[in-house]
PDB file of all heavy atoms in Angstrom:
ATOM      1  N   ALA A   1       4.061  -4.794   5.511  1.00  0.00           N
ATOM      2  CA  ALA A   1       3.434  -5.152   6.784  1.00  0.00           C
ATOM      3  C   ALA A   1       2.131  -4.367   6.970  1.00  0.00           C
ATOM      4  O   ALA A   1       1.120  -4.917   7.463  1.00  0.00           O
ATOM      5  CB  ALA A   1       4.389  -4.869   7.948  1.00  0.00           C
ATOM      6  N   ALA A   2       2.113  -3.088   6.560  1.00  0.00           N
ATOM      7  CA  ALA A   2       0.915  -2.285   6.692  1.00  0.00           C
ATOM      8  C   ALA A   2      -0.201  -2.804   5.813  1.00  0.00           C
ATOM      9  O   ALA A   2      -1.399  -2.851   6.204  1.00  0.00           O
ATOM     10  CB  ALA A   2       1.203  -0.836   6.352  1.00  0.00           C
ATOM     11  N   ILE A   3       0.137  -3.243   4.599  1.00  0.00           N
ATOM     12  CA  ILE A   3      -0.843  -3.826   3.694  1.00  0.00           C
ATOM     13  C   ILE A   3      -1.433  -5.117   4.281  1.00  0.00           C
ATOM     14  O   ILE A   3      -2.635  -5.338   4.285  1.00  0.00           O
ATOM     15  CB  ILE A   3      -0.226  -4.098   2.296  1.00  0.00           C
ATOM     16  CG1 ILE A   3       0.045  -2.755   1.588  1.00  0.00           C
ATOM     17  CG2 ILE A   3      -1.150  -4.946   1.422  1.00  0.00           C
ATOM     18  CD1 ILE A   3       0.861  -2.901   0.286  1.00  0.00           C
ATOM     19  N   SER A   4      -0.545  -5.946   4.772  1.00  0.00           N
ATOM     20  CA  SER A   4      -0.950  -7.224   5.367  1.00  0.00           C
ATOM     21  C   SER A   4      -1.876  -6.984   6.565  1.00  0.00           C
ATOM     22  O   SER A   4      -2.914  -7.656   6.708  1.00  0.00           O
ATOM     23  CB  SER A   4       0.286  -8.009   5.801  1.00  0.00           C
ATOM     24  OG  SER A   4      -0.064  -9.222   6.392  1.00  0.00           O
ATOM     25  N   GLU A   5      -1.522  -6.055   7.386  1.00  0.00           N
ATOM     26  CA  GLU A   5      -2.322  -5.736   8.595  1.00  0.00           C
ATOM     27  C   GLU A   5      -3.708  -5.222   8.171  1.00  0.00           C
ATOM     28  O   GLU A   5      -4.730  -5.616   8.737  1.00  0.00           O
ATOM     29  CB  GLU A   5      -1.583  -4.680   9.434  1.00  0.00           C
ATOM     30  CG  GLU A   5      -2.208  -4.412  10.787  1.00  0.00           C
ATOM     31  CD  GLU A   5      -1.402  -3.392  11.569  1.00  0.00           C
ATOM     32  OE1 GLU A   5      -0.185  -3.541  11.664  1.00  0.00           O
ATOM     33  OE2 GLU A   5      -2.042  -2.431  12.073  1.00  0.00           O
ATOM     34  N   ALA A   6      -3.747  -4.344   7.203  1.00  0.00           N
ATOM     35  CA  ALA A   6      -5.009  -3.778   6.724  1.00  0.00           C
ATOM     36  C   ALA A   6      -5.861  -4.850   6.072  1.00  0.00           C
ATOM     37  O   ALA A   6      -7.097  -4.879   6.239  1.00  0.00           O
ATOM     38  CB  ALA A   6      -4.758  -2.637   5.732  1.00  0.00           C
ATOM     39  N   ARG A   7      -5.216  -5.768   5.337  1.00  0.00           N
ATOM     40  CA  ARG A   7      -5.933  -6.859   4.658  1.00  0.00           C
ATOM     41  C   ARG A   7      -6.619  -7.759   5.695  1.00  0.00           C
ATOM     42  O   ARG A   7      -7.703  -8.274   5.476  1.00  0.00           O
ATOM     43  CB  ARG A   7      -4.981  -7.657   3.784  1.00  0.00           C
ATOM     44  CG  ARG A   7      -5.683  -8.674   2.908  1.00  0.00           C
ATOM     45  CD  ARG A   7      -4.733  -9.493   2.052  1.00  0.00           C
ATOM     46  NE  ARG A   7      -3.960  -8.694   1.109  1.00  0.00           N
ATOM     47  CZ  ARG A   7      -2.651  -8.725   0.994  1.00  0.00           C
ATOM     48  NH1 ARG A   7      -1.916  -9.507   1.757  1.00  0.00           N
ATOM     49  NH2 ARG A   7      -2.037  -7.968   0.101  1.00  0.00           N
ATOM     50  N   ASP A   8      -5.931  -7.952   6.819  1.00  0.00           N
ATOM     51  CA  ASP A   8      -6.453  -8.827   7.865  1.00  0.00           C
ATOM     52  C   ASP A   8      -7.699  -8.257   8.556  1.00  0.00           C
ATOM     53  O   ASP A   8      -8.388  -8.958   9.275  1.00  0.00           O
ATOM     54  CB  ASP A   8      -5.387  -9.122   8.919  1.00  0.00           C
ATOM     55  CG  ASP A   8      -4.249  -9.973   8.372  1.00  0.00           C
ATOM     56  OD1 ASP A   8      -4.440 -10.608   7.276  1.00  0.00           O
ATOM     57  OD2 ASP A   8      -3.186 -10.015   9.008  1.00  0.00           O
ATOM     58  N   LYS A   9      -7.987  -6.990   8.308  1.00  0.00           N
ATOM     59  CA  LYS A   9      -9.126  -6.358   8.952  1.00  0.00           C
ATOM     60  C   LYS A   9     -10.438  -6.572   8.198  1.00  0.00           C
ATOM     61  O   LYS A   9     -11.486  -6.044   8.557  1.00  0.00           O
ATOM     62  CB  LYS A   9      -8.910  -4.847   9.133  1.00  0.00           C
ATOM     63  CG  LYS A   9      -7.799  -4.609  10.156  1.00  0.00           C
ATOM     64  CD  LYS A   9      -7.603  -3.143  10.447  1.00  0.00           C
ATOM     65  CE  LYS A   9      -6.505  -3.024  11.521  1.00  0.00           C
ATOM     66  NZ  LYS A   9      -6.160  -1.679  11.784  1.00  0.00           N
ATOM     67  N   GLY A  10     -10.390  -7.361   7.104  1.00  0.00           N
ATOM     68  CA  GLY A  10     -11.638  -7.731   6.438  1.00  0.00           C
ATOM     69  C   GLY A  10     -11.890  -7.060   5.115  1.00  0.00           C
ATOM     70  O   GLY A  10     -10.989  -6.853   4.333  1.00  0.00           O
ATOM     71  N   ASP A  11     -13.159  -6.714   4.908  1.00  0.00           N
ATOM     72  CA  ASP A  11     -13.686  -6.200   3.627  1.00  0.00           C
ATOM     73  C   ASP A  11     -12.764  -5.101   3.030  1.00  0.00           C
ATOM     74  O   ASP A  11     -12.676  -3.994   3.555  1.00  0.00           O
ATOM     75  CB  ASP A  11     -15.079  -5.635   3.833  1.00  0.00           C
ATOM     76  CG  ASP A  11     -15.737  -5.180   2.544  1.00  0.00           C
ATOM     77  OD1 ASP A  11     -15.163  -5.398   1.467  1.00  0.00           O
ATOM     78  OD2 ASP A  11     -16.823  -4.577   2.604  1.00  0.00           O
ATOM     79  N   LEU A  12     -12.126  -5.417   1.889  1.00  0.00           N
ATOM     80  CA  LEU A  12     -11.147  -4.494   1.294  1.00  0.00           C
ATOM     81  C   LEU A  12     -11.851  -3.384   0.501  1.00  0.00           C
ATOM     82  O   LEU A  12     -11.268  -2.337   0.239  1.00  0.00           O
ATOM     83  CB  LEU A  12     -10.230  -5.259   0.325  1.00  0.00           C
ATOM     84  CG  LEU A  12      -9.330  -6.313   0.989  1.00  0.00           C
ATOM     85  CD1 LEU A  12      -8.434  -6.956  -0.042  1.00  0.00           C
ATOM     86  CD2 LEU A  12      -8.515  -5.733   2.110  1.00  0.00           C
ATOM     87  N   SER A  13     -13.139  -3.547   0.147  1.00  0.00           N
ATOM     88  CA  SER A  13     -13.822  -2.544  -0.660  1.00  0.00           C
ATOM     89  C   SER A  13     -14.070  -1.259   0.121  1.00  0.00           C
ATOM     90  O   SER A  13     -14.213  -0.206  -0.470  1.00  0.00           O
ATOM     91  CB  SER A  13     -15.114  -3.092  -1.218  1.00  0.00           C
ATOM     92  OG  SER A  13     -16.020  -3.363  -0.147  1.00  0.00           O
ATOM     93  N   GLU A  14     -14.152  -1.348   1.430  1.00  0.00           N
ATOM     94  CA  GLU A  14     -14.392  -0.155   2.241  1.00  0.00           C
ATOM     95  C   GLU A  14     -13.308   0.027   3.282  1.00  0.00           C
ATOM     96  O   GLU A  14     -13.562   0.538   4.381  1.00  0.00           O
ATOM     97  CB  GLU A  14     -15.768  -0.232   2.897  1.00  0.00           C
ATOM     98  CG  GLU A  14     -16.897  -0.193   1.910  1.00  0.00           C
ATOM     99  CD  GLU A  14     -18.285  -0.260   2.565  1.00  0.00           C
ATOM    100  OE1 GLU A  14     -18.356  -0.001   3.786  1.00  0.00           O
ATOM    101  OE2 GLU A  14     -19.237  -0.554   1.870  1.00  0.00           O
ATOM    102  N   ASN A  15     -12.078  -0.383   2.972  1.00  0.00           N
ATOM    103  CA  ASN A  15     -11.006  -0.360   3.955  1.00  0.00           C
ATOM    104  C   ASN A  15     -10.014   0.767   3.567  1.00  0.00           C
ATOM    105  O   ASN A  15      -9.181   0.601   2.709  1.00  0.00           O
ATOM    106  CB  ASN A  15     -10.314  -1.726   3.954  1.00  0.00           C
ATOM    107  CG  ASN A  15      -9.297  -1.868   5.046  1.00  0.00           C
ATOM    108  OD1 ASN A  15      -8.699  -0.890   5.483  1.00  0.00           O
ATOM    109  ND2 ASN A  15      -9.125  -3.107   5.515  1.00  0.00           N
ATOM    110  N   ALA A  16     -10.177   1.912   4.228  1.00  0.00           N
ATOM    111  CA  ALA A  16      -9.338   3.066   3.958  1.00  0.00           C
ATOM    112  C   ALA A  16      -7.869   2.808   4.269  1.00  0.00           C
ATOM    113  O   ALA A  16      -6.979   3.306   3.592  1.00  0.00           O
ATOM    114  CB  ALA A  16      -9.848   4.273   4.762  1.00  0.00           C
ATOM    115  N   GLU A  17      -7.617   2.016   5.323  1.00  0.00           N
ATOM    116  CA  GLU A  17      -6.218   1.697   5.692  1.00  0.00           C
ATOM    117  C   GLU A  17      -5.530   0.910   4.579  1.00  0.00           C
ATOM    118  O   GLU A  17      -4.378   1.161   4.234  1.00  0.00           O
ATOM    119  CB  GLU A  17      -6.177   0.889   6.972  1.00  0.00           C
ATOM    120  CG  GLU A  17      -6.396   1.687   8.254  1.00  0.00           C
ATOM    121  CD  GLU A  17      -6.287   0.830   9.474  1.00  0.00           C
ATOM    122  OE1 GLU A  17      -5.313   0.056   9.616  1.00  0.00           O
ATOM    123  OE2 GLU A  17      -7.213   0.888  10.309  1.00  0.00           O
ATOM    124  N   TYR A  18      -6.287  -0.020   4.002  1.00  0.00           N
ATOM    125  CA  TYR A  18      -5.739  -0.842   2.915  1.00  0.00           C
ATOM    126  C   TYR A  18      -5.428   0.053   1.716  1.00  0.00           C
ATOM    127  O   TYR A  18      -4.381  -0.017   1.104  1.00  0.00           O
ATOM    128  CB  TYR A  18      -6.729  -1.938   2.535  1.00  0.00           C
ATOM    129  CG  TYR A  18      -6.263  -2.822   1.402  1.00  0.00           C
ATOM    130  CD1 TYR A  18      -5.288  -3.801   1.591  1.00  0.00           C
ATOM    131  CD2 TYR A  18      -6.763  -2.648   0.098  1.00  0.00           C
ATOM    132  CE1 TYR A  18      -4.849  -4.587   0.572  1.00  0.00           C
ATOM    133  CE2 TYR A  18      -6.333  -3.453  -0.945  1.00  0.00           C
ATOM    134  CZ  TYR A  18      -5.384  -4.419  -0.702  1.00  0.00           C
ATOM    135  OH  TYR A  18      -4.935  -5.227  -1.745  1.00  0.00           O
ATOM    136  N   ASP A  19      -6.377   0.936   1.344  1.00  0.00           N
ATOM    137  CA  ASP A  19      -6.200   1.859   0.214  1.00  0.00           C
ATOM    138  C   ASP A  19      -4.993   2.729   0.447  1.00  0.00           C
ATOM    139  O   ASP A  19      -4.167   2.942  -0.471  1.00  0.00           O
ATOM    140  CB  ASP A  19      -7.443   2.710  -0.007  1.00  0.00           C
ATOM    141  CG  ASP A  19      -8.620   1.893  -0.530  1.00  0.00           C
ATOM    142  OD1 ASP A  19      -8.402   0.758  -1.043  1.00  0.00           O
ATOM    143  OD2 ASP A  19      -9.734   2.389  -0.415  1.00  0.00           O
ATOM    144  N   ALA A  20      -4.848   3.258   1.655  1.00  0.00           N
ATOM    145  CA  ALA A  20      -3.726   4.140   1.974  1.00  0.00           C
ATOM    146  C   ALA A  20      -2.388   3.367   1.906  1.00  0.00           C
ATOM    147  O   ALA A  20      -1.396   3.887   1.391  1.00  0.00           O
ATOM    148  CB  ALA A  20      -3.890   4.754   3.371  1.00  0.00           C
ATOM    149  N   ALA A  21      -2.405   2.157   2.397  1.00  0.00           N
ATOM    150  CA  ALA A  21      -1.168   1.346   2.392  1.00  0.00           C
ATOM    151  C   ALA A  21      -0.804   0.998   0.925  1.00  0.00           C
ATOM    152  O   ALA A  21       0.408   1.007   0.576  1.00  0.00           O
ATOM    153  CB  ALA A  21      -1.354   0.068   3.219  1.00  0.00           C
ATOM    154  N   LYS A  22      -1.759   0.684   0.103  1.00  0.00           N
ATOM    155  CA  LYS A  22      -1.477   0.369  -1.312  1.00  0.00           C
ATOM    156  C   LYS A  22      -0.941   1.610  -2.039  1.00  0.00           C
ATOM    157  O   LYS A  22      -0.049   1.521  -2.863  1.00  0.00           O
ATOM    158  CB  LYS A  22      -2.758  -0.158  -2.034  1.00  0.00           C
ATOM    159  CG  LYS A  22      -3.134  -1.560  -1.628  1.00  0.00           C
ATOM    160  CD  LYS A  22      -2.115  -2.623  -1.960  1.00  0.00           C
ATOM    161  CE  LYS A  22      -2.171  -3.012  -3.415  1.00  0.00           C
ATOM    162  NZ  LYS A  22      -1.218  -4.092  -3.752  1.00  0.00           N
ATOM    163  N   GLU A  23      -1.510   2.771  -1.704  1.00  0.00           N
ATOM    164  CA  GLU A  23      -1.068   4.034  -2.301  1.00  0.00           C
ATOM    165  C   GLU A  23       0.404   4.319  -1.863  1.00  0.00           C
ATOM    166  O   GLU A  23       1.232   4.739  -2.674  1.00  0.00           O
ATOM    167  CB  GLU A  23      -1.977   5.179  -1.893  1.00  0.00           C
ATOM    168  CG  GLU A  23      -1.754   6.433  -2.686  1.00  0.00           C
ATOM    169  CD  GLU A  23      -2.779   7.515  -2.385  1.00  0.00           C
ATOM    170  OE1 GLU A  23      -3.993   7.232  -2.396  1.00  0.00           O
ATOM    171  OE2 GLU A  23      -2.331   8.651  -2.147  1.00  0.00           O
ATOM    172  N   ALA A  24       0.677   4.086  -0.582  1.00  0.00           N
ATOM    173  CA  ALA A  24       2.053   4.284  -0.078  1.00  0.00           C
ATOM    174  C   ALA A  24       3.000   3.331  -0.754  1.00  0.00           C
ATOM    175  O   ALA A  24       4.138   3.685  -1.110  1.00  0.00           O
ATOM    176  CB  ALA A  24       2.081   4.075   1.435  1.00  0.00           C
ATOM    177  N   GLN A  25       2.535   2.101  -1.041  1.00  0.00           N
ATOM    178  CA  GLN A  25       3.391   1.118  -1.716  1.00  0.00           C
ATOM    179  C   GLN A  25       3.685   1.598  -3.156  1.00  0.00           C
ATOM    180  O   GLN A  25       4.835   1.515  -3.613  1.00  0.00           O
ATOM    181  CB  GLN A  25       2.712  -0.223  -1.767  1.00  0.00           C
ATOM    182  CG  GLN A  25       3.567  -1.290  -2.479  1.00  0.00           C
ATOM    183  CD  GLN A  25       2.846  -2.625  -2.651  1.00  0.00           C
ATOM    184  OE1 GLN A  25       1.649  -2.675  -2.866  1.00  0.00           O
ATOM    185  NE2 GLN A  25       3.612  -3.698  -2.524  1.00  0.00           N
ATOM    186  N   ALA A  26       2.675   2.101  -3.840  1.00  0.00           N
ATOM    187  CA  ALA A  26       2.891   2.547  -5.228  1.00  0.00           C
ATOM    188  C   ALA A  26       3.867   3.720  -5.248  1.00  0.00           C
ATOM    189  O   ALA A  26       4.748   3.778  -6.122  1.00  0.00           O
ATOM    190  CB  ALA A  26       1.551   2.960  -5.806  1.00  0.00           C
ATOM    191  N   HIS A  27       3.702   4.652  -4.302  1.00  0.00           N
ATOM    192  CA  HIS A  27       4.614   5.800  -4.218  1.00  0.00           C
ATOM    193  C   HIS A  27       6.035   5.344  -3.942  1.00  0.00           C
ATOM    194  O   HIS A  27       6.995   5.810  -4.578  1.00  0.00           O
ATOM    195  CB  HIS A  27       4.128   6.748  -3.101  1.00  0.00           C
ATOM    196  CG  HIS A  27       4.989   7.958  -2.912  1.00  0.00           C
ATOM    197  ND1 HIS A  27       5.031   8.988  -3.831  1.00  0.00           N
ATOM    198  CD2 HIS A  27       5.846   8.278  -1.901  1.00  0.00           C
ATOM    199  CE1 HIS A  27       5.910   9.906  -3.399  1.00  0.00           C
ATOM    200  NE2 HIS A  27       6.392   9.483  -2.228  1.00  0.00           N
ATOM    201  N   LEU A  28       6.206   4.395  -3.030  1.00  0.00           N
ATOM    202  CA  LEU A  28       7.524   3.871  -2.670  1.00  0.00           C
ATOM    203  C   LEU A  28       8.172   3.166  -3.840  1.00  0.00           C
ATOM    204  O   LEU A  28       9.374   3.419  -4.146  1.00  0.00           O
ATOM    205  CB  LEU A  28       7.404   2.900  -1.464  1.00  0.00           C
ATOM    206  CG  LEU A  28       8.724   2.246  -1.026  1.00  0.00           C
ATOM    207  CD1 LEU A  28       9.654   3.269  -0.422  1.00  0.00           C
ATOM    208  CD2 LEU A  28       8.437   1.132  -0.042  1.00  0.00           C
ATOM    209  N   GLU A  29       7.405   2.333  -4.530  1.00  0.00           N
ATOM    210  CA  GLU A  29       7.960   1.605  -5.699  1.00  0.00           C
ATOM    211  C   GLU A  29       8.373   2.550  -6.823  1.00  0.00           C
ATOM    212  O   GLU A  29       9.367   2.338  -7.517  1.00  0.00           O
ATOM    213  CB  GLU A  29       6.977   0.543  -6.179  1.00  0.00           C
ATOM    214  CG  GLU A  29       6.761  -0.598  -5.192  1.00  0.00           C
ATOM    215  CD  GLU A  29       8.014  -1.330  -4.765  1.00  0.00           C
ATOM    216  OE1 GLU A  29       8.941  -1.480  -5.581  1.00  0.00           O
ATOM    217  OE2 GLU A  29       8.069  -1.797  -3.614  1.00  0.00           O
ATOM    218  N   THR A  30       7.592   3.635  -6.989  1.00  0.00           N
ATOM    219  CA  THR A  30       7.942   4.650  -7.989  1.00  0.00           C
ATOM    220  C   THR A  30       9.287   5.311  -7.632  1.00  0.00           C
ATOM    221  O   THR A  30      10.159   5.522  -8.478  1.00  0.00           O
ATOM    222  CB  THR A  30       6.841   5.706  -8.069  1.00  0.00           C
ATOM    223  OG1 THR A  30       5.642   5.063  -8.505  1.00  0.00           O
ATOM    224  CG2 THR A  30       7.180   6.818  -9.080  1.00  0.00           C
ATOM    225  N   LYS A  31       9.441   5.639  -6.348  1.00  0.00           N
ATOM    226  CA  LYS A  31      10.660   6.291  -5.881  1.00  0.00           C
ATOM    227  C   LYS A  31      11.881   5.339  -6.044  1.00  0.00           C
ATOM    228  O   LYS A  31      12.956   5.746  -6.474  1.00  0.00           O
ATOM    229  CB  LYS A  31      10.510   6.726  -4.433  1.00  0.00           C
ATOM    230  CG  LYS A  31      11.602   7.626  -3.931  1.00  0.00           C
ATOM    231  CD  LYS A  31      11.241   8.245  -2.606  1.00  0.00           C
ATOM    232  CE  LYS A  31      12.317   9.246  -2.230  1.00  0.00           C
ATOM    233  NZ  LYS A  31      12.020   9.884  -0.952  1.00  0.00           N
ATOM    234  N   ILE A  32      11.673   4.068  -5.703  1.00  0.00           N
ATOM    235  CA  ILE A  32      12.735   3.071  -5.850  1.00  0.00           C
ATOM    236  C   ILE A  32      13.145   2.944  -7.316  1.00  0.00           C
ATOM    237  O   ILE A  32      14.316   2.953  -7.669  1.00  0.00           O
ATOM    238  CB  ILE A  32      12.293   1.702  -5.280  1.00  0.00           C
ATOM    239  CG1 ILE A  32      12.287   1.772  -3.734  1.00  0.00           C
ATOM    240  CG2 ILE A  32      13.230   0.594  -5.756  1.00  0.00           C
ATOM    241  CD1 ILE A  32      11.667   0.544  -3.060  1.00  0.00           C
ATOM    242  N   ALA A  33      12.137   2.883  -8.218  1.00  0.00           N
ATOM    243  CA  ALA A  33      12.428   2.766  -9.655  1.00  0.00           C
ATOM    244  C   ALA A  33      13.176   3.992 -10.149  1.00  0.00           C
ATOM    245  O   ALA A  33      14.099   3.888 -10.976  1.00  0.00           O
ATOM    246  CB  ALA A  33      11.136   2.574 -10.426  1.00  0.00           C
ATOM    247  N   LYS A  34      12.784   5.177  -9.658  1.00  0.00           N
ATOM    248  CA  LYS A  34      13.446   6.407 -10.081  1.00  0.00           C
ATOM    249  C   LYS A  34      14.924   6.409  -9.647  1.00  0.00           C
ATOM    250  O   LYS A  34      15.823   6.732 -10.436  1.00  0.00           O
ATOM    251  CB  LYS A  34      12.721   7.618  -9.480  1.00  0.00           C
ATOM    252  CG  LYS A  34      13.333   8.942  -9.891  1.00  0.00           C
ATOM    253  CD  LYS A  34      12.554  10.113  -9.297  1.00  0.00           C
ATOM    254  CE  LYS A  34      13.257  11.416  -9.691  1.00  0.00           C
ATOM    255  NZ  LYS A  34      12.779  12.549  -8.911  1.00  0.00           N
ATOM    256  N   LEU A  35      15.169   5.997  -8.386  1.00  0.00           N
ATOM    257  CA  LEU A  35      16.569   5.953  -7.898  1.00  0.00           C
ATOM    258  C   LEU A  35      17.376   4.961  -8.668  1.00  0.00           C
ATOM    259  O   LEU A  35      18.540   5.223  -9.003  1.00  0.00           O
ATOM    260  CB  LEU A  35      16.584   5.640  -6.410  1.00  0.00           C
ATOM    261  CG  LEU A  35      16.094   6.757  -5.468  1.00  0.00           C
ATOM    262  CD1 LEU A  35      16.076   6.273  -4.025  1.00  0.00           C
ATOM    263  CD2 LEU A  35      16.919   8.023  -5.597  1.00  0.00           C
ATOM    264  N   LYS A  36      16.781   3.781  -8.980  1.00  0.00           N
ATOM    265  CA  LYS A  36      17.499   2.773  -9.766  1.00  0.00           C
ATOM    266  C   LYS A  36      17.856   3.325 -11.145  1.00  0.00           C
ATOM    267  O   LYS A  36      18.946   3.076 -11.684  1.00  0.00           O
ATOM    268  CB  LYS A  36      16.676   1.501  -9.887  1.00  0.00           C
ATOM    269  CG  LYS A  36      16.671   0.671  -8.640  1.00  0.00           C
ATOM    270  CD  LYS A  36      15.880  -0.616  -8.813  1.00  0.00           C
ATOM    271  CE  LYS A  36      16.002  -1.495  -7.599  1.00  0.00           C
ATOM    272  NZ  LYS A  36      15.297  -2.781  -7.771  1.00  0.00           N
ATOM    273  N   GLY A  37      16.944   4.102 -11.739  1.00  0.00           N
ATOM    274  CA  GLY A  37      17.198   4.723 -13.029  1.00  0.00           C
ATOM    275  C   GLY A  37      18.324   5.710 -12.947  1.00  0.00           C
ATOM    276  O   GLY A  37      19.177   5.779 -13.850  1.00  0.00           O
TER     277      GLY A  37
END
C-alpha cells in the first residue's frame, strides 16, 4: 500500500517516499525468506 501510494504521487526518479517504501519491501521480503528457510 505504501509503494502504491508513493507511486501515485508522480515522478518516481525523485520520490523519496517511493524509494523508502521499495527499500522497506526488500527488507521485509528478505526477512520472510529467512524465516521460511
